[in-house]
Amino acid sequence: FHRTSNHIERLNRELKRRSKVIGVFPNEASVIRIMGSVLMDVHETFASVHNYGYPTKLLQSIDDYIPQLKEIADEQLKLLAA
């Protein structure tokens, strides 16, 4: 059985593509928000459609960051409402 890093490479390309669209980020929290949203999207897609061949450790590490990302998103919604 041969393991490849195709999943990680694809994820990195998607993160790079999204960051290039924005260009310059105003602060660290904005980087975390956009990258977190990409990671959550990838996680939800693979978790709901299929989990075959997707690295379990990567899914677990994404799960570890979801509460923090949701907290940041809630803070941003509060700032927008103010």
C-alpha atoms as a PDB file:
ATOM      1  CA  PHE A   1       0.000   0.000   0.000  1.00  0.00           C
ATOM      2  CA  HIS A   2       1.479   3.301  -1.077  1.00  0.00           C
ATOM      3  CA  ARG A   3       0.671   6.520   0.769  1.00  0.00           C
ATOM      4  CA  THR A   4       0.707   9.890  -0.918  1.00  0.00           C
ATOM      5  CA  SER A   5       0.318  13.441   0.250  1.00  0.00           C
ATOM      6  CA  ASN A   6      -2.242  14.331  -2.437  1.00  0.00           C
ATOM      7  CA  HIS A   7      -4.892  15.318   0.114  1.00  0.00           C
ATOM      8  CA  ILE A   8      -2.536  17.639   1.937  1.00  0.00           C
ATOM      9  CA  GLU A   9      -1.219  19.103  -1.310  1.00  0.00           C
ATOM     10  CA  ARG A  10      -4.764  19.757  -2.526  1.00  0.00           C
ATOM     11  CA  LEU A  11      -5.637  21.400   0.789  1.00  0.00           C
ATOM     12  CA  ASN A  12      -2.543  23.603   0.620  1.00  0.00           C
ATOM     13  CA  ARG A  13      -3.388  24.656  -2.961  1.00  0.00           C
ATOM     14  CA  GLU A  14      -6.914  25.594  -1.873  1.00  0.00           C
ATOM     15  CA  LEU A  15      -5.606  27.625   1.080  1.00  0.00           C
ATOM     16  CA  LYS A  16      -3.135  29.416  -1.195  1.00  0.00           C
ATOM     17  CA  ARG A  17      -5.836  30.087  -3.815  1.00  0.00           C
ATOM     18  CA  ARG A  18      -8.169  31.611  -1.230  1.00  0.00           C
ATOM     19  CA  SER A  19      -5.445  33.768   0.311  1.00  0.00           C
ATOM     20  CA  LYS A  20      -4.361  35.106  -3.106  1.00  0.00           C
ATOM     21  CA  VAL A  21      -7.906  36.329  -3.779  1.00  0.00           C
ATOM     22  CA  ILE A  22      -7.816  38.473  -0.647  1.00  0.00           C
ATOM     23  CA  GLY A  23      -4.216  39.631  -1.078  1.00  0.00           C
ATOM     24  CA  VAL A  24      -3.244  41.462   2.103  1.00  0.00           C
ATOM     25  CA  PHE A  25      -4.894  40.496   5.366  1.00  0.00           C
ATOM     26  CA  PRO A  26      -5.558  43.300   7.843  1.00  0.00           C
ATOM     27  CA  ASN A  27      -4.690  41.182  10.891  1.00  0.00           C
ATOM     28  CA  GLU A  28      -3.941  37.680  12.138  1.00  0.00           C
ATOM     29  CA  ALA A  29      -7.543  36.983  13.109  1.00  0.00           C
ATOM     30  CA  SER A  30      -8.711  37.521   9.534  1.00  0.00           C
ATOM     31  CA  VAL A  31      -6.190  34.935   8.291  1.00  0.00           C
ATOM     32  CA  ILE A  32      -7.412  32.463  10.895  1.00  0.00           C
ATOM     33  CA  ARG A  33     -11.035  33.076   9.864  1.00  0.00           C
ATOM     34  CA  ILE A  34     -10.529  32.487   6.133  1.00  0.00           C
ATOM     35  CA  MET A  35      -8.231  29.503   6.597  1.00  0.00           C
ATOM     36  CA  GLY A  36     -10.541  28.093   9.247  1.00  0.00           C
ATOM     37  CA  SER A  37     -13.547  28.393   6.970  1.00  0.00           C
ATOM     38  CA  VAL A  38     -11.667  26.541   4.214  1.00  0.00           C
ATOM     39  CA  LEU A  39     -10.646  23.808   6.655  1.00  0.00           C
ATOM     40  CA  MET A  40     -14.192  23.470   8.010  1.00  0.00           C
ATOM     41  CA  ASP A  41     -15.559  23.251   4.459  1.00  0.00           C
ATOM     42  CA  VAL A  42     -13.075  20.509   3.545  1.00  0.00           C
ATOM     43  CA  HIS A  43     -13.815  18.671   6.777  1.00  0.00           C
ATOM     44  CA  GLU A  44     -17.588  18.784   6.291  1.00  0.00           C
ATOM     45  CA  THR A  45     -17.300  17.665   2.674  1.00  0.00           C
ATOM     46  CA  PHE A  46     -15.183  14.637   3.461  1.00  0.00           C
ATOM     47  CA  ALA A  47     -17.021  13.773   6.660  1.00  0.00           C
ATOM     48  CA  SER A  48     -20.450  13.842   5.008  1.00  0.00           C
ATOM     49  CA  VAL A  49     -19.678  12.394   1.577  1.00  0.00           C
ATOM     50  CA  HIS A  50     -16.931   9.878   2.228  1.00  0.00           C
ATOM     51  CA  ASN A  51     -14.162   9.251   4.651  1.00  0.00           C
ATOM     52  CA  TYR A  52     -12.379   6.563   2.660  1.00  0.00           C
ATOM     53  CA  GLY A  53      -8.672   7.268   2.342  1.00  0.00           C
ATOM     54  CA  TYR A  54      -8.805  10.626   4.124  1.00  0.00           C
ATOM     55  CA  PRO A  55      -6.221  10.879   6.908  1.00  0.00           C
ATOM     56  CA  THR A  56      -7.964  10.464  10.251  1.00  0.00           C
ATOM     57  CA  LYS A  57      -5.316  12.478  12.093  1.00  0.00           C
ATOM     58  CA  LEU A  58      -5.958  15.473   9.830  1.00  0.00           C
ATOM     59  CA  LEU A  59      -9.699  15.274  10.475  1.00  0.00           C
ATOM     60  CA  GLN A  60      -9.028  15.099  14.216  1.00  0.00           C
ATOM     61  CA  SER A  61      -6.695  18.110  14.115  1.00  0.00           C
ATOM     62  CA  ILE A  62      -9.340  20.108  12.230  1.00  0.00           C
ATOM     63  CA  ASP A  63     -11.920  19.095  14.869  1.00  0.00           C
ATOM     64  CA  ASP A  64      -9.616  20.515  17.539  1.00  0.00           C
ATOM     65  CA  TYR A  65      -9.745  23.997  15.946  1.00  0.00           C
ATOM     66  CA  ILE A  66     -13.472  24.194  15.138  1.00  0.00           C
ATOM     67  CA  PRO A  67     -14.563  25.526  18.581  1.00  0.00           C
ATOM     68  CA  GLN A  68     -11.923  28.281  18.414  1.00  0.00           C
ATOM     69  CA  LEU A  69     -12.948  29.205  14.866  1.00  0.00           C
ATOM     70  CA  LYS A  70     -16.634  29.315  15.822  1.00  0.00           C
ATOM     71  CA  GLU A  71     -15.780  31.605  18.734  1.00  0.00           C
ATOM     72  CA  ILE A  72     -13.883  33.948  16.386  1.00  0.00           C
ATOM     73  CA  ALA A  73     -16.790  33.916  13.927  1.00  0.00           C
ATOM     74  CA  ASP A  74     -19.237  34.785  16.738  1.00  0.00           C
ATOM     75  CA  GLU A  75     -17.012  37.693  17.797  1.00  0.00           C
ATOM     76  CA  GLN A  76     -16.959  38.970  14.215  1.00  0.00           C
ATOM     77  CA  LEU A  77     -20.754  38.783  13.991  1.00  0.00           C
ATOM     78  CA  LYS A  78     -21.018  40.818  17.203  1.00  0.00           C
ATOM     79  CA  LEU A  79     -18.612  43.415  15.795  1.00  0.00           C
ATOM     80  CA  LEU A  80     -20.594  43.642  12.566  1.00  0.00           C
ATOM     81  CA  ALA A  81     -23.838  44.066  14.501  1.00  0.00           C
ATOM     82  CA  ALA A  82     -22.400  46.914  16.571  1.00  0.00           C
END
